[in-house]
Amino acid sequence: MAGNKRKTPDINASSQADIAFLLLVFFLVATTMNTDKGLVRVLPPIPPEDVKVEDQKVNERNLLLVFVNASGQLMVGDESMDIRGLKDKAKEFIVNPLDDENLPEKKETEIEMPDGSKWTYNVSEGVVSLQTTRDTSYEIYIQVQNELTRAFNEVRNEVSQSKFGKSFADLSEDEKSVITKAVPLKISEAEPRKGAIKK
């Protein structure tokens, strides 16, 4: 006696590959990608051909040398310090509140305001020069960069409060432009070198 055996029909899976491909294309097109942001730095302009490189020396008092090695040891100017003191040291260098002759000179600069008027401000000539060793880790490098940037941001915030009565973050784009001209972010990076900090 033959049983009532039913044969299970095969499922046609030939279109599944097409559907998977279409879904993949859809997600690639519809998904937004976050772009990695690097450190924002304005590079100096290319010097004119008639100016010799030797003539472009920075006055020693206008330069704060920050050296960091692979161990995270900092040498700021001629003193060794912990990274926690770097921001305050850089801030003092930028502002030079007591017009110390060992700290940066200030140049009286006329800055155009959003309303067309002029504002005269003593802009610091100071430049922070950051140098690392070849084996300095990226994490330590970023920590040092963050502390230096924090110093400039705090100075900008203080100047913004005194000039506009509000924090730098709350300013309009035109007002921010005024403050960035008064407190330019001057951090240069020297080529990494071999060696450690000598005590």
C-alpha atoms as a PDB file:
ATOM      1  CA  MET A   1       0.000   0.000   0.000  1.00  0.00           C
ATOM      2  CA  ALA A   2       1.480   3.219  -1.091  1.00  0.00           C
ATOM      3  CA  GLY A   3       1.440   5.916   1.531  1.00  0.00           C
ATOM      4  CA  ASN A   4       0.348   9.474   0.917  1.00  0.00           C
ATOM      5  CA  LYS A   5       3.862  10.880   0.887  1.00  0.00           C
ATOM      6  CA  ARG A   6       3.987  14.423  -0.237  1.00  0.00           C
ATOM      7  CA  LYS A   7       7.159  15.762  -1.676  1.00  0.00           C
ATOM      8  CA  THR A   8       8.144  19.084  -0.154  1.00  0.00           C
ATOM      9  CA  PRO A   9       8.517  21.580  -2.943  1.00  0.00           C
ATOM     10  CA  ASP A  10      11.911  23.314  -3.305  1.00  0.00           C
ATOM     11  CA  ILE A  11      12.050  27.017  -2.480  1.00  0.00           C
ATOM     12  CA  ASN A  12      13.387  29.108  -5.299  1.00  0.00           C
ATOM     13  CA  ALA A  13      16.246  31.078  -3.687  1.00  0.00           C
ATOM     14  CA  SER A  14      17.656  32.578  -6.850  1.00  0.00           C
ATOM     15  CA  SER A  15      16.283  36.062  -6.075  1.00  0.00           C
ATOM     16  CA  GLN A  16      17.722  36.213  -2.543  1.00  0.00           C
ATOM     17  CA  ALA A  17      21.132  37.265  -3.826  1.00  0.00           C
ATOM     18  CA  ASP A  18      19.496  40.118  -5.755  1.00  0.00           C
ATOM     19  CA  ILE A  19      17.575  41.260  -2.677  1.00  0.00           C
ATOM     20  CA  ALA A  20      20.723  41.142  -0.508  1.00  0.00           C
ATOM     21  CA  PHE A  21      22.609  43.184  -3.104  1.00  0.00           C
ATOM     22  CA  LEU A  22      19.826  45.782  -3.278  1.00  0.00           C
ATOM     23  CA  LEU A  23      19.740  46.068   0.535  1.00  0.00           C
ATOM     24  CA  LEU A  24      23.502  46.521   0.620  1.00  0.00           C
ATOM     25  CA  VAL A  25      23.341  49.283  -1.983  1.00  0.00           C
ATOM     26  CA  PHE A  26      20.472  50.940  -0.094  1.00  0.00           C
ATOM     27  CA  PHE A  27      22.380  51.015   3.200  1.00  0.00           C
ATOM     28  CA  LEU A  28      25.560  52.272   1.532  1.00  0.00           C
ATOM     29  CA  VAL A  29      23.652  55.147  -0.063  1.00  0.00           C
ATOM     30  CA  ALA A  30      21.434  55.976   2.930  1.00  0.00           C
ATOM     31  CA  THR A  31      24.080  55.785   5.681  1.00  0.00           C
ATOM     32  CA  THR A  32      26.021  58.891   6.623  1.00  0.00           C
ATOM     33  CA  MET A  33      29.671  58.442   7.478  1.00  0.00           C
ATOM     34  CA  ASN A  34      31.346  60.372  10.260  1.00  0.00           C
ATOM     35  CA  THR A  35      34.487  61.994   8.966  1.00  0.00           C
ATOM     36  CA  ASP A  36      37.499  62.009  11.248  1.00  0.00           C
ATOM     37  CA  LYS A  37      38.621  65.461  12.212  1.00  0.00           C
ATOM     38  CA  GLY A  38      42.253  66.279  12.722  1.00  0.00           C
ATOM     39  CA  LEU A  39      43.838  69.048  14.699  1.00  0.00           C
ATOM     40  CA  VAL A  40      42.920  72.458  13.303  1.00  0.00           C
ATOM     41  CA  ARG A  41      46.043  74.418  12.518  1.00  0.00           C
ATOM     42  CA  VAL A  42      46.644  77.372  10.228  1.00  0.00           C
ATOM     43  CA  LEU A  43      49.905  76.921   8.370  1.00  0.00           C
ATOM     44  CA  PRO A  44      52.112  79.976   7.930  1.00  0.00           C
ATOM     45  CA  PRO A  45      52.188  81.557   4.470  1.00  0.00           C
ATOM     46  CA  ILE A  46      55.005  80.681   2.063  1.00  0.00           C
ATOM     47  CA  PRO A  47      57.722  83.313   2.484  1.00  0.00           C
ATOM     48  CA  PRO A  48      58.488  85.588  -0.495  1.00  0.00           C
ATOM     49  CA  GLU A  49      61.348  84.448  -2.721  1.00  0.00           C
ATOM     50  CA  ASP A  50      63.414  87.561  -1.969  1.00  0.00           C
ATOM     51  CA  VAL A  51      63.369  86.886   1.811  1.00  0.00           C
ATOM     52  CA  LYS A  52      66.154  84.666   3.092  1.00  0.00           C
ATOM     53  CA  VAL A  53      65.258  81.884   5.533  1.00  0.00           C
ATOM     54  CA  GLU A  54      67.950  83.054   7.946  1.00  0.00           C
ATOM     55  CA  ASP A  55      66.177  86.433   8.235  1.00  0.00           C
ATOM     56  CA  GLN A  56      63.023  84.818   9.612  1.00  0.00           C
ATOM     57  CA  LYS A  57      64.302  84.104  13.092  1.00  0.00           C
ATOM     58  CA  VAL A  58      61.912  84.488  16.019  1.00  0.00           C
ATOM     59  CA  ASN A  59      63.066  86.585  18.951  1.00  0.00           C
ATOM     60  CA  GLU A  60      64.019  84.149  21.740  1.00  0.00           C
ATOM     61  CA  ARG A  61      61.624  85.738  24.243  1.00  0.00           C
ATOM     62  CA  ASN A  62      58.740  85.157  21.805  1.00  0.00           C
ATOM     63  CA  LEU A  63      59.302  81.393  21.679  1.00  0.00           C
ATOM     64  CA  LEU A  64      58.133  78.840  24.256  1.00  0.00           C
ATOM     65  CA  LEU A  65      59.830  75.501  23.615  1.00  0.00           C
ATOM     66  CA  VAL A  66      57.786  72.492  24.733  1.00  0.00           C
ATOM     67  CA  PHE A  67      59.580  69.166  24.450  1.00  0.00           C
ATOM     68  CA  VAL A  68      57.905  65.843  25.289  1.00  0.00           C
ATOM     69  CA  ASN A  69      59.557  62.415  25.240  1.00  0.00           C
ATOM     70  CA  ALA A  70      58.154  58.877  25.029  1.00  0.00           C
ATOM     71  CA  SER A  71      57.773  58.648  28.818  1.00  0.00           C
ATOM     72  CA  GLY A  72      55.547  61.719  28.861  1.00  0.00           C
ATOM     73  CA  GLN A  73      58.207  63.882  30.523  1.00  0.00           C
ATOM     74  CA  LEU A  74      57.876  67.553  29.638  1.00  0.00           C
ATOM     75  CA  MET A  75      60.527  70.189  29.303  1.00  0.00           C
ATOM     76  CA  VAL A  76      58.940  73.632  28.998  1.00  0.00           C
ATOM     77  CA  GLY A  77      61.492  76.330  28.327  1.00  0.00           C
ATOM     78  CA  ASP A  78      64.323  75.387  30.646  1.00  0.00           C
ATOM     79  CA  GLU A  79      62.274  73.659  33.355  1.00  0.00           C
ATOM     80  CA  SER A  80      60.909  70.150  33.708  1.00  0.00           C
ATOM     81  CA  MET A  81      57.224  69.991  34.599  1.00  0.00           C
ATOM     82  CA  ASP A  82      54.147  67.804  34.879  1.00  0.00           C
ATOM     83  CA  ILE A  83      51.538  67.999  32.130  1.00  0.00           C
ATOM     84  CA  ARG A  84      49.044  69.406  34.673  1.00  0.00           C
ATOM     85  CA  GLY A  85      51.069  72.618  34.857  1.00  0.00           C
ATOM     86  CA  LEU A  86      51.456  73.046  31.088  1.00  0.00           C
ATOM     87  CA  LYS A  87      48.190  74.906  30.467  1.00  0.00           C
ATOM     88  CA  ASP A  88      48.895  77.581  33.096  1.00  0.00           C
ATOM     89  CA  LYS A  89      52.486  78.008  31.918  1.00  0.00           C
ATOM     90  CA  ALA A  90      51.353  78.405  28.297  1.00  0.00           C
ATOM     91  CA  LYS A  91      48.609  80.813  29.352  1.00  0.00           C
ATOM     92  CA  GLU A  92      51.072  83.013  31.235  1.00  0.00           C
ATOM     93  CA  PHE A  93      53.311  82.970  28.157  1.00  0.00           C
ATOM     94  CA  ILE A  94      50.461  84.014  25.838  1.00  0.00           C
ATOM     95  CA  VAL A  95      49.101  86.822  28.040  1.00  0.00           C
ATOM     96  CA  ASN A  96      52.315  88.149  29.647  1.00  0.00           C
ATOM     97  CA  PRO A  97      50.172  90.041  32.188  1.00  0.00           C
ATOM     98  CA  LEU A  98      53.058  91.898  33.866  1.00  0.00           C
ATOM     99  CA  ASP A  99      54.869  92.779  30.612  1.00  0.00           C
ATOM    100  CA  ASP A 100      57.837  90.658  31.702  1.00  0.00           C
ATOM    101  CA  GLU A 101      60.822  91.256  29.426  1.00  0.00           C
ATOM    102  CA  ASN A 102      61.467  87.481  29.383  1.00  0.00           C
ATOM    103  CA  LEU A 103      57.970  86.769  28.021  1.00  0.00           C
ATOM    104  CA  PRO A 104      56.626  87.617  24.533  1.00  0.00           C
ATOM    105  CA  GLU A 105      56.437  91.098  23.100  1.00  0.00           C
ATOM    106  CA  LYS A 106      53.047  92.564  22.223  1.00  0.00           C
ATOM    107  CA  LYS A 107      52.233  94.343  18.998  1.00  0.00           C
ATOM    108  CA  GLU A 108      49.563  97.030  18.986  1.00  0.00           C
ATOM    109  CA  THR A 109      47.158  95.885  16.296  1.00  0.00           C
ATOM    110  CA  GLU A 110      44.070  97.510  14.824  1.00  0.00           C
ATOM    111  CA  ILE A 111      41.258  94.972  14.428  1.00  0.00           C
ATOM    112  CA  GLU A 112      38.094  95.719  12.475  1.00  0.00           C
ATOM    113  CA  MET A 113      34.904  95.160  14.436  1.00  0.00           C
ATOM    114  CA  PRO A 114      31.653  93.726  12.950  1.00  0.00           C
ATOM    115  CA  ASP A 115      30.068  97.221  13.014  1.00  0.00           C
ATOM    116  CA  GLY A 116      32.951  98.708  10.981  1.00  0.00           C
ATOM    117  CA  SER A 117      34.694 100.421  13.914  1.00  0.00           C
ATOM    118  CA  LYS A 118      38.313  99.731  14.867  1.00  0.00           C
ATOM    119  CA  TRP A 119      39.577  98.114  18.052  1.00  0.00           C
ATOM    120  CA  THR A 120      43.217  98.419  19.097  1.00  0.00           C
ATOM    121  CA  TYR A 121      44.543  95.389  20.953  1.00  0.00           C
ATOM    122  CA  ASN A 122      48.045  94.329  22.026  1.00  0.00           C
ATOM    123  CA  VAL A 123      48.451  91.019  20.196  1.00  0.00           C
ATOM    124  CA  SER A 124      51.061  88.641  21.602  1.00  0.00           C
ATOM    125  CA  GLU A 125      53.991  87.835  19.342  1.00  0.00           C
ATOM    126  CA  GLY A 126      54.504  84.548  21.222  1.00  0.00           C
ATOM    127  CA  VAL A 127      54.770  81.208  19.459  1.00  0.00           C
ATOM    128  CA  VAL A 128      54.588  77.828  21.216  1.00  0.00           C
ATOM    129  CA  SER A 129      56.978  75.357  19.588  1.00  0.00           C
ATOM    130  CA  LEU A 130      56.151  71.703  20.274  1.00  0.00           C
ATOM    131  CA  GLN A 131      58.762  69.015  19.724  1.00  0.00           C
ATOM    132  CA  THR A 132      58.582  65.288  20.396  1.00  0.00           C
ATOM    133  CA  THR A 133      60.899  62.317  20.142  1.00  0.00           C
ATOM    134  CA  ARG A 134      60.334  59.737  17.414  1.00  0.00           C
ATOM    135  CA  ASP A 135      59.011  57.231  19.945  1.00  0.00           C
ATOM    136  CA  THR A 136      56.541  59.591  21.671  1.00  0.00           C
ATOM    137  CA  SER A 137      53.141  57.920  21.745  1.00  0.00           C
ATOM    138  CA  TYR A 138      50.183  59.466  19.957  1.00  0.00           C
ATOM    139  CA  GLU A 139      48.207  59.573  23.241  1.00  0.00           C
ATOM    140  CA  ILE A 140      50.861  61.680  24.993  1.00  0.00           C
ATOM    141  CA  TYR A 141      51.198  63.929  21.954  1.00  0.00           C
ATOM    142  CA  ILE A 142      47.412  64.564  21.898  1.00  0.00           C
ATOM    143  CA  GLN A 143      47.364  65.263  25.664  1.00  0.00           C
ATOM    144  CA  VAL A 144      50.050  67.926  25.219  1.00  0.00           C
ATOM    145  CA  GLN A 145      48.248  69.412  22.210  1.00  0.00           C
ATOM    146  CA  ASN A 146      44.994  69.513  24.199  1.00  0.00           C
ATOM    147  CA  GLU A 147      46.629  71.374  27.099  1.00  0.00           C
ATOM    148  CA  LEU A 148      48.189  73.936  24.757  1.00  0.00           C
ATOM    149  CA  THR A 149      44.885  74.422  22.901  1.00  0.00           C
ATOM    150  CA  ARG A 150      43.061  74.771  26.242  1.00  0.00           C
ATOM    151  CA  ALA A 151      45.438  77.593  27.184  1.00  0.00           C
ATOM    152  CA  PHE A 152      44.663  79.515  23.978  1.00  0.00           C
ATOM    153  CA  ASN A 153      40.920  78.820  24.356  1.00  0.00           C
ATOM    154  CA  GLU A 154      40.875  80.130  27.936  1.00  0.00           C
ATOM    155  CA  VAL A 155      42.676  83.316  26.895  1.00  0.00           C
ATOM    156  CA  ARG A 156      40.201  83.766  24.030  1.00  0.00           C
ATOM    157  CA  ASN A 157      37.334  83.253  26.451  1.00  0.00           C
ATOM    158  CA  GLU A 158      38.702  85.883  28.851  1.00  0.00           C
ATOM    159  CA  VAL A 159      39.247  88.438  26.066  1.00  0.00           C
ATOM    160  CA  SER A 160      35.759  87.662  24.736  1.00  0.00           C
ATOM    161  CA  GLN A 161      34.221  88.248  28.189  1.00  0.00           C
ATOM    162  CA  SER A 162      35.994  91.582  28.591  1.00  0.00           C
ATOM    163  CA  LYS A 163      35.224  92.809  25.049  1.00  0.00           C
ATOM    164  CA  PHE A 164      31.744  91.417  24.334  1.00  0.00           C
ATOM    165  CA  GLY A 165      30.512  90.391  27.796  1.00  0.00           C
ATOM    166  CA  LYS A 166      29.985  86.762  26.803  1.00  0.00           C
ATOM    167  CA  SER A 167      31.988  83.578  26.327  1.00  0.00           C
ATOM    168  CA  PHE A 168      33.776  82.815  23.072  1.00  0.00           C
ATOM    169  CA  ALA A 169      31.370  79.933  22.305  1.00  0.00           C
ATOM    170  CA  ASP A 170      28.372  82.311  22.434  1.00  0.00           C
ATOM    171  CA  LEU A 171      29.821  84.837  19.967  1.00  0.00           C
ATOM    172  CA  SER A 172      28.629  85.300  16.405  1.00  0.00           C
ATOM    173  CA  GLU A 173      31.003  84.244  13.615  1.00  0.00           C
ATOM    174  CA  ASP A 174      32.061  87.883  13.025  1.00  0.00           C
ATOM    175  CA  GLU A 175      32.765  88.382  16.728  1.00  0.00           C
ATOM    176  CA  LYS A 176      34.719  85.107  16.873  1.00  0.00           C
ATOM    177  CA  SER A 177      36.840  86.344  13.980  1.00  0.00           C
ATOM    178  CA  VAL A 178      37.695  89.473  15.998  1.00  0.00           C
ATOM    179  CA  ILE A 179      38.809  87.423  19.014  1.00  0.00           C
ATOM    180  CA  THR A 180      40.857  84.953  16.926  1.00  0.00           C
ATOM    181  CA  LYS A 181      42.717  87.915  15.427  1.00  0.00           C
ATOM    182  CA  ALA A 182      43.370  89.256  18.929  1.00  0.00           C
ATOM    183  CA  VAL A 183      44.459  85.838  20.225  1.00  0.00           C
ATOM    184  CA  PRO A 184      45.797  83.830  17.259  1.00  0.00           C
ATOM    185  CA  LEU A 185      46.517  80.138  17.814  1.00  0.00           C
ATOM    186  CA  LYS A 186      50.281  80.002  17.339  1.00  0.00           C
ATOM    187  CA  ILE A 187      51.501  76.446  17.853  1.00  0.00           C
ATOM    188  CA  SER A 188      54.331  75.286  15.639  1.00  0.00           C
ATOM    189  CA  GLU A 189      55.631  71.735  15.467  1.00  0.00           C
ATOM    190  CA  ALA A 190      59.298  70.949  15.082  1.00  0.00           C
ATOM    191  CA  GLU A 191      60.565  67.763  13.488  1.00  0.00           C
ATOM    192  CA  PRO A 192      60.724  64.838  15.962  1.00  0.00           C
ATOM    193  CA  ARG A 193      64.186  64.072  17.275  1.00  0.00           C
ATOM    194  CA  LYS A 194      66.024  61.216  18.946  1.00  0.00           C
ATOM    195  CA  GLY A 195      66.970  61.304  22.580  1.00  0.00           C
ATOM    196  CA  ALA A 196      65.443  61.903  25.961  1.00  0.00           C
ATOM    197  CA  ILE A 197      65.145  64.831  28.319  1.00  0.00           C
ATOM    198  CA  LYS A 198      68.390  65.441  30.141  1.00  0.00           C
ATOM    199  CA  LYS A 199      68.105  66.213  33.823  1.00  0.00           C
END
